[in-house]
N, C-alpha and C. Protein backbone atom coordinates (compact mmCIF):
# COMPACT_ATOMS: atom_id res chain seq x y z
N UNK A 1 26.36 -5.18 -107.67
CA UNK A 1 27.17 -5.34 -108.15
C UNK A 1 28.00 -4.77 -107.49
N UNK A 2 29.63 -4.86 -107.76
CA UNK A 2 30.41 -5.03 -106.92
C UNK A 2 31.78 -3.75 -107.40
N UNK A 3 32.31 -3.09 -106.86
CA UNK A 3 32.81 -1.77 -106.95
C UNK A 3 33.60 -1.44 -107.71
N UNK A 4 34.13 -2.72 -108.48
CA UNK A 4 35.39 -3.18 -109.84
C UNK A 4 34.58 -2.84 -110.81
N UNK A 5 32.78 -3.51 -111.14
CA UNK A 5 32.90 -3.83 -112.09
C UNK A 5 32.10 -2.10 -112.58
N UNK A 6 31.21 -1.42 -111.40
CA UNK A 6 31.26 -0.38 -111.25
C UNK A 6 32.08 0.59 -111.82
N UNK A 7 33.14 0.62 -111.19
CA UNK A 7 33.80 1.20 -111.87
C UNK A 7 35.03 0.86 -113.36
N UNK A 8 35.16 -0.21 -114.09
CA UNK A 8 35.38 -0.26 -115.14
C UNK A 8 33.79 -0.01 -115.94
N UNK A 9 33.19 -0.02 -115.43
CA UNK A 9 31.73 0.61 -116.28
C UNK A 9 31.85 1.84 -116.55
N UNK A 10 32.25 2.81 -115.46
CA UNK A 10 32.99 4.05 -115.25
C UNK A 10 33.51 4.52 -116.57
N UNK A 11 34.49 3.75 -116.51
CA UNK A 11 35.79 4.19 -117.33
C UNK A 11 35.30 3.95 -119.42
N UNK A 12 34.95 2.62 -119.56
CA UNK A 12 34.42 1.99 -120.58
C UNK A 12 32.79 2.54 -121.21
N UNK A 13 32.30 3.70 -120.04
CA UNK A 13 31.73 4.64 -120.78
C UNK A 13 32.23 6.13 -121.46
N UNK A 14 33.49 6.38 -120.54
CA UNK A 14 34.17 7.44 -120.62
C UNK A 14 34.59 7.58 -122.06
N UNK A 15 35.03 6.33 -122.12
CA UNK A 15 35.97 5.75 -123.24
C UNK A 15 35.17 5.37 -124.54
N UNK A 16 34.25 5.27 -124.51
CA UNK A 16 33.08 5.21 -125.47
C UNK A 16 32.25 6.33 -126.05
N UNK A 17 31.76 6.59 -124.90
CA UNK A 17 31.82 8.48 -124.89
C UNK A 17 32.56 9.07 -125.78
N UNK A 18 33.39 9.53 -125.42
CA UNK A 18 34.47 9.89 -126.13
C UNK A 18 34.59 9.68 -127.49
N UNK A 19 34.57 8.18 -128.17
CA UNK A 19 34.73 7.49 -129.01
C UNK A 19 33.48 8.10 -130.02
N UNK A 20 32.56 7.81 -129.15
CA UNK A 20 31.11 8.17 -129.97
C UNK A 20 31.05 9.51 -131.18
N UNK A 21 31.41 10.54 -129.68
CA UNK A 21 31.56 11.83 -129.76
C UNK A 21 32.51 12.50 -130.79
N UNK A 22 33.32 12.46 -131.00
CA UNK A 22 34.72 12.95 -131.28
C UNK A 22 34.06 12.20 -132.63
N UNK A 23 33.67 11.01 -133.33
CA UNK A 23 33.21 10.42 -134.56
C UNK A 23 31.75 11.36 -135.36
N UNK A 24 30.91 11.51 -134.38
CA UNK A 24 29.19 12.44 -134.32
C UNK A 24 29.69 13.72 -134.78
N UNK A 25 30.97 14.55 -134.06
CA UNK A 25 31.43 15.99 -133.70
C UNK A 25 31.44 16.15 -135.17
N UNK A 26 32.84 15.46 -135.68
CA UNK A 26 33.36 15.97 -136.81
C UNK A 26 33.05 14.95 -138.11
N UNK A 27 32.05 14.56 -138.28
CA UNK A 27 31.41 13.49 -139.06
C UNK A 27 30.20 14.42 -139.34
N UNK A 28 29.73 15.01 -138.28
CA UNK A 28 27.69 15.17 -139.04
C UNK A 28 27.79 15.97 -138.66
N UNK A 29 27.72 16.85 -137.18
CA UNK A 29 27.13 17.69 -136.16
C UNK A 29 28.23 19.24 -136.46
N UNK A 30 29.09 19.21 -136.43
CA UNK A 30 29.41 20.48 -136.90
C UNK A 30 31.12 20.10 -137.49
N UNK A 31 31.28 20.20 -138.56
CA UNK A 31 33.35 19.33 -139.20
C UNK A 31 33.59 21.19 -139.36
N UNK A 32 34.52 20.21 -139.64
CA UNK A 32 35.69 21.42 -139.90
C UNK A 32 35.42 22.25 -141.12
N UNK A 33 35.86 23.15 -141.14
CA UNK A 33 35.40 24.03 -142.82
C UNK A 33 36.71 23.82 -143.45
N UNK A 34 37.71 23.93 -142.73
CA UNK A 34 39.85 24.01 -142.96
C UNK A 34 39.46 22.52 -142.90
N UNK A 35 39.90 21.48 -143.20
CA UNK A 35 40.27 20.15 -143.08
C UNK A 35 39.08 19.40 -144.10
N UNK A 36 39.65 18.43 -144.57
CA UNK A 36 38.57 17.36 -144.73
C UNK A 36 38.13 16.06 -143.98
N UNK A 37 37.15 15.66 -143.47
CA UNK A 37 36.32 15.22 -142.63
C UNK A 37 37.21 13.83 -142.25
N UNK A 38 37.71 12.87 -143.20
CA UNK A 38 38.50 11.98 -143.52
C UNK A 38 39.61 12.52 -142.50
N UNK A 39 40.27 12.89 -142.97
CA UNK A 39 41.82 13.80 -142.34
C UNK A 39 41.59 13.40 -141.02
N UNK A 40 39.99 14.19 -140.11
CA UNK A 40 40.14 15.26 -139.01
C UNK A 40 39.81 13.55 -138.79
N UNK A 41 39.14 13.11 -139.03
CA UNK A 41 38.61 11.70 -138.39
C UNK A 41 40.02 10.65 -138.12
N UNK A 42 40.94 11.12 -138.88
CA UNK A 42 41.95 9.58 -139.18
C UNK A 42 42.96 10.46 -137.89
N UNK A 43 43.29 11.78 -137.49
CA UNK A 43 43.71 12.25 -136.80
C UNK A 43 43.53 12.11 -135.37
N UNK A 44 42.16 11.96 -135.26
CA UNK A 44 41.46 11.85 -134.13
C UNK A 44 40.68 10.83 -133.34
N UNK A 45 40.73 9.92 -134.49
CA UNK A 45 39.85 8.67 -134.07
C UNK A 45 40.50 7.84 -134.09
N UNK A 46 41.69 7.57 -134.61
CA UNK A 46 42.67 6.20 -134.47
C UNK A 46 43.36 6.23 -133.41
N UNK A 47 43.49 7.09 -132.55
CA UNK A 47 44.13 6.51 -131.71
C UNK A 47 43.27 5.45 -130.90
N UNK A 48 42.37 6.29 -130.88
CA UNK A 48 41.55 5.76 -129.61
C UNK A 48 41.48 4.20 -130.33
N UNK A 49 41.22 3.96 -131.50
CA UNK A 49 41.06 2.37 -131.83
C UNK A 49 42.69 1.43 -131.02
N UNK A 50 43.58 1.99 -130.79
CA UNK A 50 44.76 1.46 -130.13
C UNK A 50 44.26 0.61 -128.85
N UNK A 51 43.85 1.00 -128.06
CA UNK A 51 43.26 0.89 -126.50
C UNK A 51 42.20 -0.79 -126.08
N UNK A 52 41.45 -0.47 -127.96
CA UNK A 52 40.25 -0.47 -127.96
C UNK A 52 40.21 -2.11 -127.68
N UNK A 53 40.72 -3.08 -127.75
CA UNK A 53 41.06 -4.48 -127.10
C UNK A 53 40.63 -5.05 -126.03
N UNK A 54 42.33 -3.87 -125.33
CA UNK A 54 42.32 -3.86 -124.00
C UNK A 54 41.59 -2.63 -122.95
N UNK A 55 40.31 -2.13 -123.39
CA UNK A 55 39.22 -1.88 -122.42
C UNK A 55 38.29 -3.47 -122.41
N UNK A 56 38.12 -3.63 -124.07
CA UNK A 56 36.77 -4.10 -124.34
C UNK A 56 37.00 -5.67 -123.34
N UNK A 57 38.27 -5.87 -123.03
CA UNK A 57 38.48 -7.29 -122.36
C UNK A 57 38.74 -6.79 -120.81
N UNK A 58 39.25 -5.79 -120.09
CA UNK A 58 38.99 -4.92 -118.82
C UNK A 58 40.70 -5.27 -118.30
N UNK A 59 41.60 -4.81 -119.53
CA UNK A 59 42.72 -5.87 -119.26
C UNK A 59 44.15 -3.97 -118.46
N UNK A 60 43.71 -4.71 -117.16
CA UNK A 60 44.34 -3.44 -116.47
C UNK A 60 45.38 -2.42 -116.37
N UNK A 61 46.49 -3.05 -117.68
CA UNK A 61 47.66 -2.42 -118.02
C UNK A 61 47.03 -1.52 -119.36
N UNK A 62 46.56 -2.23 -120.46
CA UNK A 62 46.03 -1.17 -120.75
C UNK A 62 44.84 -0.11 -120.89
N UNK A 63 44.02 -0.14 -119.46
CA UNK A 63 43.17 0.88 -118.99
C UNK A 63 44.66 1.79 -118.43
N UNK A 64 44.85 1.21 -117.45
CA UNK A 64 46.07 2.38 -116.50
C UNK A 64 47.09 2.89 -118.00
N UNK A 65 47.22 2.40 -119.40
CA UNK A 65 48.43 3.92 -120.63
C UNK A 65 47.30 4.24 -121.12
N UNK A 66 46.24 3.48 -121.04
CA UNK A 66 44.93 4.32 -121.90
C UNK A 66 44.55 5.63 -120.89
N UNK A 67 44.36 6.38 -120.08
CA UNK A 67 44.74 6.73 -119.04
C UNK A 67 45.08 8.31 -119.56
N UNK A 68 46.11 7.84 -120.16
CA UNK A 68 47.44 9.26 -120.48
C UNK A 68 46.36 9.54 -122.50
N UNK A 69 45.74 8.65 -123.11
CA UNK A 69 45.33 8.84 -124.37
C UNK A 69 44.12 10.65 -123.44
N UNK A 70 42.97 9.38 -123.15
CA UNK A 70 42.06 10.38 -122.27
C UNK A 70 42.28 11.81 -121.30
N UNK A 71 43.64 11.99 -121.41
CA UNK A 71 44.28 13.55 -120.70
C UNK A 71 44.80 14.44 -121.78
N UNK A 72 44.42 13.40 -123.53
CA UNK A 72 44.95 14.54 -124.73
C UNK A 72 43.74 14.95 -124.97
N UNK A 73 42.98 13.92 -124.90
CA UNK A 73 41.61 14.60 -125.04
C UNK A 73 41.10 15.36 -124.46
N UNK A 74 40.88 15.48 -122.83
CA UNK A 74 40.68 16.45 -122.11
C UNK A 74 41.25 17.66 -122.38
N UNK A 75 41.97 17.31 -123.29
CA UNK A 75 43.20 18.76 -123.73
C UNK A 75 42.09 19.13 -124.69
N UNK A 76 42.83 18.85 -125.85
CA UNK A 76 41.42 18.63 -126.72
C UNK A 76 39.93 19.69 -126.13
N UNK A 77 39.43 19.10 -125.36
CA UNK A 77 37.42 19.04 -125.51
C UNK A 77 37.92 21.11 -124.57
N UNK A 78 39.20 21.05 -123.68
CA UNK A 78 39.27 22.53 -123.36
C UNK A 78 39.10 23.22 -124.43
N UNK A 79 40.17 22.89 -124.94
CA UNK A 79 40.68 23.91 -126.38
C UNK A 79 39.23 24.35 -127.20
N UNK A 80 38.03 23.14 -127.58
CA UNK A 80 37.28 23.43 -127.90
C UNK A 80 35.69 24.17 -127.47
N UNK A 81 36.18 24.24 -126.26
CA UNK A 81 35.52 24.49 -124.94
C UNK A 81 36.22 25.84 -125.31
N UNK A 82 36.57 26.29 -125.06
CA UNK A 82 37.20 27.96 -125.15
C UNK A 82 37.09 29.15 -126.43
N UNK A 83 37.18 28.00 -127.64
CA UNK A 83 37.72 28.28 -128.47
C UNK A 83 36.75 29.27 -129.58
N UNK A 84 35.66 28.15 -129.12
CA UNK A 84 34.51 28.46 -130.32
C UNK A 84 33.01 28.66 -129.50
N UNK A 85 31.97 29.56 -129.96
CA UNK A 85 31.12 28.99 -129.06
C UNK A 85 30.28 28.08 -129.84
N UNK A 86 30.44 27.57 -131.17
CA UNK A 86 29.65 26.56 -131.82
C UNK A 86 30.34 25.78 -131.16
N UNK A 87 31.22 24.82 -131.04
CA UNK A 87 32.19 23.99 -130.62
C UNK A 87 32.32 23.81 -129.15
N UNK A 88 31.70 24.96 -128.34
CA UNK A 88 31.57 24.97 -127.08
C UNK A 88 30.85 23.31 -125.83
N UNK A 89 29.79 22.89 -126.26
CA UNK A 89 28.96 22.28 -125.92
C UNK A 89 29.28 20.94 -126.23
N UNK A 90 29.88 21.12 -127.85
CA UNK A 90 31.11 19.58 -128.37
C UNK A 90 32.27 19.45 -127.03
N UNK A 91 32.92 20.64 -126.86
CA UNK A 91 33.83 20.65 -126.13
C UNK A 91 33.68 20.41 -124.56
N UNK A 92 32.60 21.27 -124.39
CA UNK A 92 31.84 20.19 -122.67
C UNK A 92 32.16 18.97 -122.34
N UNK A 93 31.01 18.21 -123.51
CA UNK A 93 31.40 16.61 -123.32
C UNK A 93 32.22 15.92 -124.25
N UNK A 94 32.98 16.57 -124.32
CA UNK A 94 34.38 16.08 -124.64
C UNK A 94 35.27 16.22 -123.32
N UNK A 95 35.13 16.60 -122.36
CA UNK A 95 35.62 17.50 -121.34
C UNK A 95 34.93 15.98 -120.17
N UNK A 96 33.53 15.95 -120.54
CA UNK A 96 33.13 15.02 -119.23
C UNK A 96 33.84 14.11 -119.65
N UNK A 97 33.67 13.00 -120.96
CA UNK A 97 33.44 12.12 -121.41
C UNK A 97 35.24 11.48 -121.26
N UNK A 98 35.45 12.48 -120.69
CA UNK A 98 37.24 12.40 -120.66
C UNK A 98 37.48 12.43 -119.70
N UNK A 99 37.17 13.49 -118.26
CA UNK A 99 37.65 12.74 -117.47
C UNK A 99 36.73 11.61 -116.38
N UNK A 100 35.61 11.14 -116.91
CA UNK A 100 34.98 9.28 -116.56
C UNK A 100 36.09 8.27 -117.22
N UNK A 101 36.43 8.61 -118.20
CA UNK A 101 37.41 7.53 -118.66
C UNK A 101 38.66 8.28 -117.70
N UNK A 102 39.47 8.99 -117.34
CA UNK A 102 40.79 8.96 -116.82
C UNK A 102 40.01 8.61 -115.40
N UNK A 103 38.92 9.42 -115.02
CA UNK A 103 39.03 9.38 -113.57
C UNK A 103 38.84 7.58 -112.78
N UNK A 104 37.69 6.90 -113.77
CA UNK A 104 37.06 5.76 -114.01
C UNK A 104 38.50 5.02 -113.87
N UNK A 105 39.10 5.42 -114.68
CA UNK A 105 40.42 4.40 -114.95
C UNK A 105 42.13 4.31 -114.32
N UNK A 106 42.01 4.81 -112.97
CA UNK A 106 42.27 5.45 -112.43
C UNK A 106 42.32 4.16 -111.26
N UNK A 107 40.55 4.90 -110.87
CA UNK A 107 39.85 4.03 -109.21
C UNK A 107 40.30 2.40 -109.84
N UNK A 108 39.74 2.36 -111.32
CA UNK A 108 39.91 0.72 -111.48
C UNK A 108 40.99 -0.22 -111.07
N UNK A 109 42.07 0.99 -111.46
CA UNK A 109 43.10 -0.01 -111.01
C UNK A 109 43.72 0.10 -109.96
N UNK A 110 43.49 1.43 -109.51
CA UNK A 110 43.40 1.21 -107.95
C UNK A 110 42.41 -0.04 -107.00
N UNK A 111 41.64 0.18 -107.51
CA UNK A 111 40.66 -0.99 -106.43
C UNK A 111 40.98 -2.70 -106.36
N UNK A 112 41.77 -2.96 -107.28
CA UNK A 112 42.43 -3.89 -106.83
C UNK A 112 42.62 -5.12 -108.17
N UNK A 113 42.39 -6.28 -107.50
CA UNK A 113 42.42 -7.57 -108.67
C UNK A 113 40.69 -7.82 -108.67
N UNK A 114 39.83 -8.02 -109.51
CA UNK A 114 38.53 -9.04 -109.82
C UNK A 114 38.18 -9.72 -109.57
């Protein structure tokens, strides 16, 4: 397995891990008692749909700008981990996935052409 494929795999794991975690977290595991589930999912998961096609096709430009999006989810994870003991494990997982997404994406971009 070459280096760029491995780095793309790390990026995709972080991206899809973030996607799946947010869906499971706010739909089943610990839904918000203050807001409707649909509204929370609409606000948190919809931005993840914008880079989906480019990430599936391993487009470097899409992966590059999606790393900015990963930073927002990293920040969300830090706030969730700090805010409540109930959401701490989910926040820590979100930090892990967003970090994989960001670091893998930056390394994939720097690795050059496939």
